[in-house]
Every structure is written in C-alpha cells, then in structure tokens.
Amino acid sequence: MKYAAIILGGGSDLPLDELGGLTPLEAADTPNLDELSRAGRIGTVCATPKGCVTCDEVCLLNLLGYDPVVNRCGHGVLEALGAGCELSLDDWAMRVSLMTIGEDGADDEGVVLDQVAGMIPEAESRVLIEDLVELWSDEAPEFMEGVRLGSLVQSGGVLLDSSGTSYRGVESAAPVDLIGRRWEPALPSGELGRELARCIEVSKAYLDQHEINQVRREQGLHPANLAWIWGMGQRRKLPSFLQITGLNGVLVTRSGVMGGIGELIGWDRLSGSTHQAMGDQLVRKIRDHDFVCWYGDGCAVASHQGDAASKVQEIEAIDREIIGPVMNMLRRYGDQRVDPAVHGWRMMVVVDHATHCTTHKHDPAAVPFAMGGAWVQSVVERTMTERQAIEADLHIERGTDLMEYFLYSGLVRVDHA
C-alpha cells in the first residue's frame, strides 16, 4: 500500500465577512480535494489534547501518532534539528522570536501586535539576531558563556546551550499566545528565567533604536522591536515511524518545526522553493517510499497577518500543485476493490489546528480531515470544510488515533505480508 498525508498548517478558520460569511476552506476552489472527499470520507479530529497548548509541535506529533504529552521536546529543539544543527541529548535549545510590540507612548504601548514582526526578511532578521547575540554576551556574560547561536530561522534564531545548565521548569509563553497582551507580565520567572527576562528587556531598548527598525518604520512596516526567548527543550529519542508502522517515510516541507519532527522519527527530508517543486518531489518519492508527507504553514502565516485572501490563495495552490499531482500518481497503484492483486493507495488531507484571521491566534477546536483510496468510502458525499466535517459521522477524539485509522481501518481484505 502507498500512503500520502498532506497537512495544512493553520488551514481551518471561522466564517469571515470579507469572504461572504465563508471560511477560507469553503471559499477556496479545490477540485482535487473535493474529489478525494466525495469519493472517500471526511470527519474531525481533536489534534490538541486536553490540557495541552495548541501549537505546531503538539498538533503535528499528535496527528503522526506520537503522544505529545510524552514526546514533546520543545520548539527550539525542533527548529534546531530542522535547520541541521547537531544536538546531543544533554544540549538545550531555545527559540528567539522577533516580535512587534506597541511603541512607547502609544495607546497600545507594550502590547504584542505581531509575533513575526511583519514577516521580516531573512537578511534583516540575520543582522538583528547576530547583533543581539553580541549585545547579550556583553550585558549577560555569565549566562551567555556556554550559549551560542545555532541557526537563523524565520523571524529569529535558535540559541544552543552546551554548558550543562538545565532549563527544566523555566516557562516562557509562545509568541502566538501573547497576541493582544502586554509582554512584561509574561516574562520568564525563576532564577534562570530572570536571566532570560533580562535579555528580553535589553533587546527592547536596543532594537527600538536599531537602524533596521528605523527604516522599517519609515516604510510603514512593523518594526522588530522585541526579541522573545521561549521554547526551551532537549532532544528526545523517539521510536522511528518505520519501527511503529513498518513503513518507510519521506517528508517534504520548508518548516523547521516539521523538519525537526521528521528528523526525530527517521524520515528522509526534502524541500522546494515552490509548491510545484515540492509537489514534484512528492510524486517522485512515491515510487520508493511507502509513506510520503507534505506539511506547509502558509495558511497559518496568512492568518497571523489577518490576510484572508492570501489564505484562500494558499489553499488553492496546495490543491493545484500538491494534492492533484500526488493523487494522480497514487492512482497508478490501482483500486483494490476492483483488483485485489494491485498495490493500492490511500491519501489523507488534514488540518493541524485552526488559526483565525480575525484574532491571529490558534484555536484548540477539532479540525477537519478527508481521506480516500482503498476501502475508504461513505454513503454521503461531502467536501472537506469545517461545517461539513462537523456534520459527518466520523469524529476522532484522540488525535493519536487518526494515523492508525488512516493506515489500517477497513483493510481486513488486504494481505499485509
């Protein structure tokens, strides 16, 4: 059996006035996803376990069948691994995110307005992060003695600490959870947390006056006027996807977080500069892999910027350049309902979490999925939207159960040997 999973990061949403009361999934023209849905089944899955924060790391681990309560290792670790950093089990990694907060003297002074600083370009982000690391080395030399810049990532960087210092127990909120809130009350606490808090406070004074931000203000762009340190963690040993399922997998993504998860579960990893390039990679890898997976966070990025039109365009591009080509390739492996001797295939499209264009925040509500292929069918034809998924009769309460259902449900007729 050949399997393909397409994960839409932040793909679901609320009905929006600018889309005529539709959600982006409802407004988008998605003939390939509609075809998969109508021929197969749709439903909802609780990708965020009760008691867990809704974030990429938690939801993606859950959907891939790995309990995030047990296997979560920290956003900084995943970003570091996704960027190719070498990490021992004793190293700690933490994420530095460049954010936009309300300017001094403004009505929204100190309020977090944009957790990605207007999607600041890589070249500008690189200068700011490298300058900050140098500043922190001068201002907090004891803390920074064993800390180095591991990699530069979208709107920030990753710090690595090999000094033996433990960050266990240090809590620091994710930037997305700070939207609309003042940043000072959320500063890390505890003895080591105070060191991180000092670095964050120093960053505000420094970044306020940085020439890059002065130019960004003149251009009407969000300044990157606060550096937030969060996502501390250590690498974990996870059982590989091959060990758990017997399937060898390959991941195509530009996401550092998903790339880090792929590294931990033993998947080969590829990327691409465009949707079409990534779709081509998936199609080629179906031949020599049992399981291919694509993850993109373009929908989430559009939601964080409140851009519903871009979110619709992203969904349409995924349908056209990813879902369509992959489904066409999978069909070459035949329909086992017609010929039991053929290889057969299954495909799933799922959202990891809702991200709302109105609030720019994540939502822990159940998310829609669609799957089709060998022995997957429903008596009622539906399309994969939030409303129709809720109306369907397939609702998976534990996110970790989705992968098992996708791989094995209804396959009693198939000779797995």
Protein backbone atom coordinates (compact mmCIF):
# COMPACT_ATOMS: atom_id res chain seq x y z
CA MET A 1 0.00 0.00 0.00
CA LYS A 2 1.17 3.52 -0.82
CA TYR A 3 0.19 6.32 1.57
CA ALA A 4 0.26 10.13 1.29
CA ALA A 5 -0.56 12.67 4.00
CA ILE A 6 -0.98 16.37 3.24
CA ILE A 7 -1.06 18.59 6.35
CA LEU A 8 -2.42 22.14 6.08
CA GLY A 9 -0.82 24.13 8.90
CA GLY A 10 -3.45 26.50 10.31
CA GLY A 11 -5.83 25.65 7.46
CA SER A 12 -9.21 25.92 9.19
CA ASP A 13 -10.80 29.16 10.34
CA LEU A 14 -14.03 30.94 11.23
CA PRO A 15 -16.57 32.36 8.72
CA LEU A 16 -15.27 35.75 7.57
CA ASP A 17 -17.21 38.81 6.44
CA GLU A 18 -14.70 39.56 3.70
CA LEU A 19 -15.38 36.09 2.25
CA GLY A 20 -19.15 36.48 2.31
CA GLY A 21 -19.58 34.54 5.53
CA LEU A 22 -17.47 31.61 4.32
CA THR A 23 -14.31 30.18 5.81
CA PRO A 24 -11.17 30.13 3.59
CA LEU A 25 -11.64 26.36 3.11
CA GLU A 26 -15.20 26.99 1.92
CA ALA A 27 -14.25 29.93 -0.29
CA ALA A 28 -11.28 28.24 -1.99
CA ASP A 29 -11.65 26.47 -5.34
CA THR A 30 -10.32 22.96 -4.56
CA PRO A 31 -11.48 20.46 -7.21
CA ASN A 32 -8.89 17.82 -6.25
CA LEU A 33 -9.63 17.93 -2.52
CA ASP A 34 -13.36 17.89 -3.30
CA GLU A 35 -12.91 14.79 -5.45
CA LEU A 36 -10.94 13.00 -2.73
CA SER A 37 -13.54 13.95 -0.11
CA ARG A 38 -16.59 12.91 -2.12
CA ALA A 39 -15.10 9.53 -3.04
CA GLY A 40 -13.83 8.89 0.48
CA ARG A 41 -14.70 10.08 3.97
CA ILE A 42 -14.42 13.29 5.94
CA GLY A 43 -14.61 13.99 9.64
CA THR A 44 -13.00 15.85 12.52
CA VAL A 45 -10.06 15.08 14.78
CA CYS A 46 -9.03 16.61 18.11
CA ALA A 47 -5.43 17.46 17.26
CA THR A 48 -4.86 19.32 20.54
CA PRO A 49 -5.05 17.02 23.58
CA LYS A 50 -6.88 18.35 26.62
CA GLY A 51 -4.53 20.31 28.86
CA CYS A 52 -2.03 21.00 26.06
CA VAL A 53 -1.34 24.32 24.39
CA THR A 54 -2.34 24.50 20.72
CA CYS A 55 0.88 24.76 18.73
CA ASP A 56 2.56 23.19 15.71
CA GLU A 57 4.72 20.84 17.75
CA VAL A 58 1.87 19.39 19.81
CA CYS A 59 -0.61 19.02 16.97
CA LEU A 60 1.83 17.55 14.45
CA LEU A 61 3.19 14.95 16.85
CA ASN A 62 -0.38 14.02 17.75
CA LEU A 63 -1.52 13.63 14.14
CA LEU A 64 1.51 11.47 13.31
CA GLY A 65 0.63 9.08 16.14
CA TYR A 66 3.13 10.27 18.77
CA ASP A 67 1.62 11.30 22.10
CA PRO A 68 2.83 14.91 22.58
CA VAL A 69 2.45 14.71 26.35
CA VAL A 70 5.20 12.08 26.37
CA ASN A 71 7.22 13.00 23.29
CA ARG A 72 7.23 16.81 23.21
CA CYS A 73 10.76 18.18 23.32
CA GLY A 74 10.44 21.94 22.76
CA HIS A 75 10.04 24.27 19.81
CA GLY A 76 13.68 25.34 19.91
CA VAL A 77 14.89 21.75 19.58
CA LEU A 78 12.73 21.08 16.54
CA GLU A 79 13.79 24.30 14.84
CA ALA A 80 17.44 23.45 15.52
CA LEU A 81 17.13 19.92 14.15
CA GLY A 82 15.13 21.21 11.20
CA ALA A 83 17.96 23.63 10.41
CA GLY A 84 20.53 20.81 10.50
CA CYS A 85 22.10 21.56 13.90
CA GLU A 86 23.87 18.74 15.73
CA LEU A 87 22.34 18.27 19.18
CA SER A 88 23.38 15.86 21.90
CA LEU A 89 20.83 14.62 24.43
CA ASP A 90 22.42 16.95 27.02
CA ASP A 91 22.21 20.15 24.95
CA TRP A 92 19.41 22.66 25.41
CA ALA A 93 17.90 24.70 22.58
CA MET A 94 15.67 27.75 22.75
CA ARG A 95 13.92 29.89 20.16
CA VAL A 96 14.43 33.64 19.77
CA SER A 97 11.48 35.29 18.01
CA LEU A 98 11.50 38.86 16.72
CA MET A 99 8.12 40.45 17.51
CA THR A 100 6.37 43.79 17.15
CA ILE A 101 5.04 45.50 20.29
CA GLY A 102 3.21 48.79 20.67
CA GLU A 103 5.55 51.79 20.70
CA ASP A 104 6.29 53.79 23.87
CA GLY A 105 3.63 56.45 24.45
CA ALA A 106 1.07 54.82 22.13
CA ASP A 107 -2.32 53.58 23.32
CA ASP A 108 -1.12 50.01 22.73
CA GLU A 109 2.26 50.55 24.40
CA GLY A 110 3.84 47.21 25.33
CA VAL A 111 1.09 45.13 23.69
CA VAL A 112 2.25 42.33 21.38
CA LEU A 113 0.87 43.22 17.95
CA ASP A 114 2.67 40.84 15.60
CA GLN A 115 4.59 37.74 16.66
CA VAL A 116 6.60 37.59 13.41
CA ALA A 117 7.39 41.31 13.02
CA GLY A 118 5.68 41.66 9.66
CA MET A 119 7.45 38.55 8.29
CA ILE A 120 10.73 40.42 8.48
CA PRO A 121 13.06 39.40 5.61
CA GLU A 122 15.82 36.91 6.33
CA ALA A 123 18.62 39.40 5.64
CA GLU A 124 17.26 41.91 8.17
CA SER A 125 16.48 39.20 10.72
CA ARG A 126 20.02 37.85 10.43
CA VAL A 127 21.59 41.23 11.25
CA LEU A 128 19.30 41.82 14.23
CA ILE A 129 19.83 38.36 15.74
CA GLU A 130 23.60 38.41 15.29
CA ASP A 131 23.76 41.91 16.81
CA LEU A 132 21.60 40.76 19.74
CA VAL A 133 23.81 37.77 20.49
CA GLU A 134 26.81 40.10 20.64
CA LEU A 135 24.88 42.52 22.87
CA TRP A 136 23.75 39.76 25.24
CA SER A 137 27.33 38.49 25.51
CA ASP A 138 28.30 41.93 26.84
CA GLU A 139 25.22 42.51 29.03
CA ALA A 140 24.83 38.98 30.47
CA PRO A 141 28.27 37.35 30.12
CA GLU A 142 27.77 34.67 32.79
CA PHE A 143 24.53 33.48 31.19
CA MET A 144 25.89 33.59 27.63
CA GLU A 145 29.19 31.89 28.46
CA GLY A 146 28.02 28.47 27.21
CA VAL A 147 25.39 29.75 24.76
CA ARG A 148 25.91 30.05 21.02
CA LEU A 149 23.79 30.92 18.01
CA GLY A 150 22.85 27.60 16.46
CA SER A 151 20.90 28.70 13.41
CA LEU A 152 18.90 31.52 11.91
CA VAL A 153 15.25 30.73 11.25
CA GLN A 154 12.15 32.58 10.12
CA SER A 155 11.82 35.86 12.06
CA GLY A 156 14.55 34.94 14.52
CA GLY A 157 17.06 32.31 15.53
CA VAL A 158 17.87 29.36 17.77
CA LEU A 159 20.25 29.50 20.74
CA LEU A 160 22.07 26.36 21.87
CA ASP A 161 23.46 25.80 25.37
CA SER A 162 26.01 23.02 25.89
CA SER A 163 27.24 24.28 29.26
CA GLY A 164 25.33 21.77 31.37
CA THR A 165 22.84 24.38 32.59
CA SER A 166 19.33 22.95 32.96
CA TYR A 167 16.30 24.97 31.86
CA ARG A 168 13.89 22.46 33.32
CA GLY A 169 11.00 24.26 34.96
CA VAL A 170 11.57 27.55 33.11
CA GLU A 171 8.29 28.58 31.49
CA SER A 172 8.08 31.10 28.66
CA ALA A 173 4.92 31.62 26.61
CA ALA A 174 4.85 31.09 22.86
CA PRO A 175 4.64 34.38 20.92
CA VAL A 176 1.29 33.46 19.35
CA ASP A 177 -0.20 33.23 22.85
CA LEU A 178 0.93 36.79 23.63
CA ILE A 179 -1.01 38.48 20.82
CA GLY A 180 -3.07 41.34 22.29
CA ARG A 181 -1.34 41.09 25.68
CA ARG A 182 1.38 43.15 27.34
CA TRP A 183 4.70 41.37 27.25
CA GLU A 184 6.13 42.32 30.67
CA PRO A 185 3.78 40.17 32.83
CA ALA A 186 4.62 37.13 30.69
CA LEU A 187 8.40 37.33 31.24
CA PRO A 188 10.05 34.05 32.33
CA SER A 189 10.32 33.63 36.10
CA GLY A 190 12.65 31.80 38.46
CA GLU A 191 16.40 32.26 38.91
CA LEU A 192 17.35 31.24 35.37
CA GLY A 193 14.16 32.76 34.00
CA ARG A 194 15.30 36.13 35.32
CA GLU A 195 18.43 35.85 33.15
CA LEU A 196 16.24 35.25 30.10
CA ALA A 197 13.96 38.11 31.15
CA ARG A 198 16.96 40.44 31.36
CA CYS A 199 17.99 39.51 27.82
CA ILE A 200 14.45 40.18 26.58
CA GLU A 201 14.31 43.55 28.36
CA VAL A 202 17.70 44.56 26.99
CA SER A 203 16.55 43.65 23.49
CA LYS A 204 13.69 46.17 23.64
CA ALA A 205 15.91 49.13 24.39
CA TYR A 206 18.43 48.06 21.76
CA LEU A 207 16.02 47.16 18.96
CA ASP A 208 13.98 50.34 19.44
CA GLN A 209 16.93 52.36 18.13
CA HIS A 210 18.33 49.90 15.58
CA GLU A 211 18.71 51.40 12.13
CA ILE A 212 16.86 48.49 10.50
CA ASN A 213 13.79 49.27 12.58
CA GLN A 214 14.09 52.98 11.89
CA VAL A 215 13.95 52.22 8.17
CA ARG A 216 11.04 49.79 8.65
CA ARG A 217 9.03 52.45 10.46
CA GLU A 218 9.71 54.93 7.66
CA GLN A 219 8.43 52.35 5.18
CA GLY A 220 5.27 51.76 7.20
CA LEU A 221 6.38 48.25 8.19
CA HIS A 222 6.19 46.61 11.60
CA PRO A 223 9.46 47.08 13.48
CA ALA A 224 11.09 44.06 15.10
CA ASN A 225 11.30 45.84 18.45
CA LEU A 226 11.35 42.93 20.92
CA ALA A 227 13.22 39.60 20.96
CA TRP A 228 11.32 36.92 22.88
CA ILE A 229 13.13 33.81 24.18
CA TRP A 230 10.98 30.68 24.54
CA GLY A 231 10.55 27.02 23.53
CA MET A 232 13.36 25.64 25.69
CA GLY A 233 13.94 21.90 25.46
CA GLN A 234 16.22 18.93 24.89
CA ARG A 235 16.35 16.33 22.17
CA ARG A 236 14.43 13.11 22.83
CA LYS A 237 14.79 9.59 21.49
CA LEU A 238 11.58 8.72 19.67
CA PRO A 239 10.79 5.35 18.08
CA SER A 240 11.02 5.70 14.33
CA PHE A 241 7.95 5.72 12.11
CA LEU A 242 9.37 2.60 10.45
CA GLN A 243 9.59 0.79 13.80
CA ILE A 244 5.99 1.67 14.70
CA THR A 245 4.28 1.14 11.34
CA GLY A 246 6.68 -0.89 9.19
CA LEU A 247 6.51 1.91 6.59
CA ASN A 248 9.49 3.94 5.36
CA GLY A 249 8.62 7.62 5.07
CA VAL A 250 9.76 10.80 3.39
CA LEU A 251 8.87 14.37 4.32
CA VAL A 252 8.69 17.38 2.01
CA THR A 253 8.49 20.70 3.86
CA ARG A 254 10.09 24.10 4.34
CA SER A 255 9.06 24.19 8.01
CA GLY A 256 11.78 23.95 10.61
CA VAL A 257 9.42 22.52 13.24
CA MET A 258 8.09 19.79 10.95
CA GLY A 259 11.60 19.17 9.66
CA GLY A 260 12.75 18.59 13.24
CA ILE A 261 9.93 16.12 13.86
CA GLY A 262 10.86 14.30 10.64
CA GLU A 263 14.44 14.04 11.89
CA LEU A 264 13.30 12.58 15.22
CA ILE A 265 11.08 9.90 13.64
CA GLY A 266 13.59 8.88 10.99
CA TRP A 267 12.04 10.27 7.81
CA ASP A 268 14.08 11.33 4.81
CA ARG A 269 13.57 15.04 4.18
CA LEU A 270 13.33 17.15 1.04
CA SER A 271 12.27 20.72 0.37
CA GLY A 272 11.49 23.01 -2.53
CA SER A 273 11.21 26.69 -3.30
CA THR A 274 7.64 26.50 -4.67
CA HIS A 275 4.52 24.40 -4.25
CA GLN A 276 5.08 22.92 -7.69
CA ALA A 277 8.65 21.93 -6.84
CA MET A 278 7.53 20.28 -3.62
CA GLY A 279 4.68 18.51 -5.41
CA ASP A 280 7.19 17.16 -7.93
CA GLN A 281 9.38 15.90 -5.07
CA LEU A 282 6.44 14.04 -3.54
CA VAL A 283 5.43 12.45 -6.84
CA ARG A 284 8.96 11.18 -7.44
CA LYS A 285 9.35 9.79 -3.92
CA ILE A 286 6.11 7.78 -4.02
CA ARG A 287 7.93 5.21 -6.15
CA ASP A 288 10.48 4.21 -3.49
CA HIS A 289 8.70 5.12 -0.24
CA ASP A 290 5.66 3.62 1.45
CA PHE A 291 4.58 6.90 3.05
CA VAL A 292 5.03 10.44 1.72
CA CYS A 293 4.10 13.51 3.76
CA TRP A 294 3.88 17.21 2.97
CA TYR A 295 3.44 19.98 5.52
CA GLY A 296 3.11 23.70 4.87
CA ASP A 297 2.40 26.61 7.21
CA GLY A 298 1.38 29.17 4.56
CA CYS A 299 -2.23 29.18 5.78
CA ALA A 300 -1.09 29.90 9.34
CA VAL A 301 1.21 32.69 8.17
CA ALA A 302 -1.67 34.34 6.29
CA SER A 303 -3.90 34.02 9.37
CA HIS A 304 -1.28 35.57 11.64
CA GLN A 305 -1.25 38.54 9.28
CA GLY A 306 -5.07 38.65 9.09
CA ASP A 307 -4.94 38.12 5.32
CA ALA A 308 -7.96 36.00 4.34
CA ALA A 309 -7.43 36.46 0.60
CA SER A 310 -3.88 35.09 0.82
CA LYS A 311 -5.13 32.15 2.88
CA VAL A 312 -7.64 31.27 0.16
CA GLN A 313 -4.91 31.54 -2.49
CA GLU A 314 -2.61 29.29 -0.43
CA ILE A 315 -5.28 26.59 -0.13
CA GLU A 316 -5.94 26.75 -3.87
CA ALA A 317 -2.22 26.48 -4.66
CA ILE A 318 -1.89 23.42 -2.40
CA ASP A 319 -4.84 21.79 -4.12
CA ARG A 320 -3.49 22.53 -7.59
CA GLU A 321 0.23 21.86 -7.10
CA ILE A 322 0.34 19.31 -4.26
CA ILE A 323 -2.92 17.39 -3.80
CA GLY A 324 -3.76 16.98 -7.51
CA PRO A 325 -0.38 15.67 -8.74
CA VAL A 326 0.07 13.35 -5.74
CA MET A 327 -3.42 11.87 -6.09
CA ASN A 328 -2.90 11.32 -9.82
CA MET A 329 0.35 9.46 -9.13
CA LEU A 330 -1.22 7.33 -6.42
CA ARG A 331 -3.99 6.20 -8.75
CA ARG A 332 -1.38 4.34 -10.80
CA TYR A 333 -1.17 1.83 -7.95
CA GLY A 334 -4.70 0.64 -8.66
CA ASP A 335 -8.02 0.10 -6.90
CA GLN A 336 -8.08 -2.99 -4.68
CA ARG A 337 -11.85 -3.11 -4.74
CA VAL A 338 -11.59 -3.85 -8.45
CA ASP A 339 -8.37 -5.88 -8.47
CA PRO A 340 -7.14 -7.33 -5.12
CA ALA A 341 -3.74 -8.05 -6.68
CA VAL A 342 -2.75 -4.39 -7.17
CA HIS A 343 -0.64 -2.42 -4.71
CA GLY A 344 -3.36 0.06 -3.72
CA TRP A 345 -3.18 3.51 -2.14
CA ARG A 346 -4.62 5.86 0.43
CA MET A 347 -4.40 9.62 0.79
CA MET A 348 -5.29 11.94 3.66
CA VAL A 349 -5.58 15.73 3.86
CA VAL A 350 -5.78 17.11 7.40
CA VAL A 351 -5.50 20.45 9.21
CA ASP A 352 -3.19 20.55 12.23
CA HIS A 353 -5.02 23.37 14.03
CA ALA A 354 -7.29 26.28 13.29
CA THR A 355 -5.65 29.70 13.05
CA HIS A 356 -8.07 32.59 12.90
CA CYS A 357 -7.61 35.55 10.58
CA THR A 358 -9.65 37.71 12.98
CA THR A 359 -7.63 37.08 16.15
CA HIS A 360 -4.34 35.86 14.55
CA LYS A 361 -4.39 33.09 17.17
CA HIS A 362 -4.55 29.29 17.29
CA ASP A 363 -7.76 27.51 18.29
CA PRO A 364 -7.84 24.10 20.05
CA ALA A 365 -11.17 23.12 18.43
CA ALA A 366 -11.43 19.88 16.44
CA VAL A 367 -10.21 20.23 12.85
CA PRO A 368 -11.40 18.68 9.56
CA PHE A 369 -9.77 15.89 7.60
CA ALA A 370 -10.52 13.91 4.44
CA MET A 371 -9.21 10.55 3.34
CA GLY A 372 -9.75 8.34 0.33
CA GLY A 373 -8.38 5.35 -1.52
CA ALA A 374 -8.51 1.62 -0.82
CA TRP A 375 -11.68 0.63 1.07
CA VAL A 376 -12.39 4.21 2.20
CA GLN A 377 -15.89 5.27 1.20
CA SER A 378 -19.03 6.86 2.56
CA VAL A 379 -22.69 6.72 1.56
CA VAL A 380 -22.93 10.53 1.82
CA GLU A 381 -20.81 12.72 -0.41
CA ARG A 382 -19.30 15.70 1.40
CA THR A 383 -16.42 18.12 0.89
CA MET A 384 -13.71 18.92 3.41
CA THR A 385 -14.89 22.11 5.10
CA GLU A 386 -15.32 22.94 8.75
CA ARG A 387 -19.14 22.82 8.63
CA GLN A 388 -19.46 19.65 6.57
CA ALA A 389 -16.84 17.85 8.66
CA ILE A 390 -18.85 18.59 11.81
CA GLU A 391 -21.99 17.24 10.11
CA ALA A 392 -20.23 13.99 9.17
CA ASP A 393 -20.38 10.88 11.36
CA LEU A 394 -16.62 10.35 11.79
CA HIS A 395 -15.15 12.14 14.81
CA ILE A 396 -11.83 11.05 16.30
CA GLU A 397 -11.43 12.21 19.88
CA ARG A 398 -7.79 11.21 20.39
CA GLY A 399 -5.50 12.75 17.80
CA THR A 400 -3.02 9.87 18.04
CA ASP A 401 -5.75 7.50 16.77
CA LEU A 402 -6.03 9.26 13.40
CA MET A 403 -2.85 7.76 11.94
CA GLU A 404 -3.85 4.23 12.92
CA TYR A 405 -7.29 4.75 11.40
CA PHE A 406 -5.76 6.10 8.20
CA LEU A 407 -3.26 3.26 7.84
CA TYR A 408 -5.32 0.25 8.84
CA SER A 409 -9.08 0.82 9.02
CA GLY A 410 -11.13 -1.42 6.74
CA LEU A 411 -8.12 -3.27 5.34
CA VAL A 412 -9.02 -6.76 6.58
CA ARG A 413 -9.20 -7.91 2.95
CA VAL A 414 -5.62 -6.89 2.21
CA ASP A 415 -2.69 -9.26 2.53
CA HIS A 416 -0.27 -7.13 4.56
CA ALA A 417 2.53 -9.67 4.15
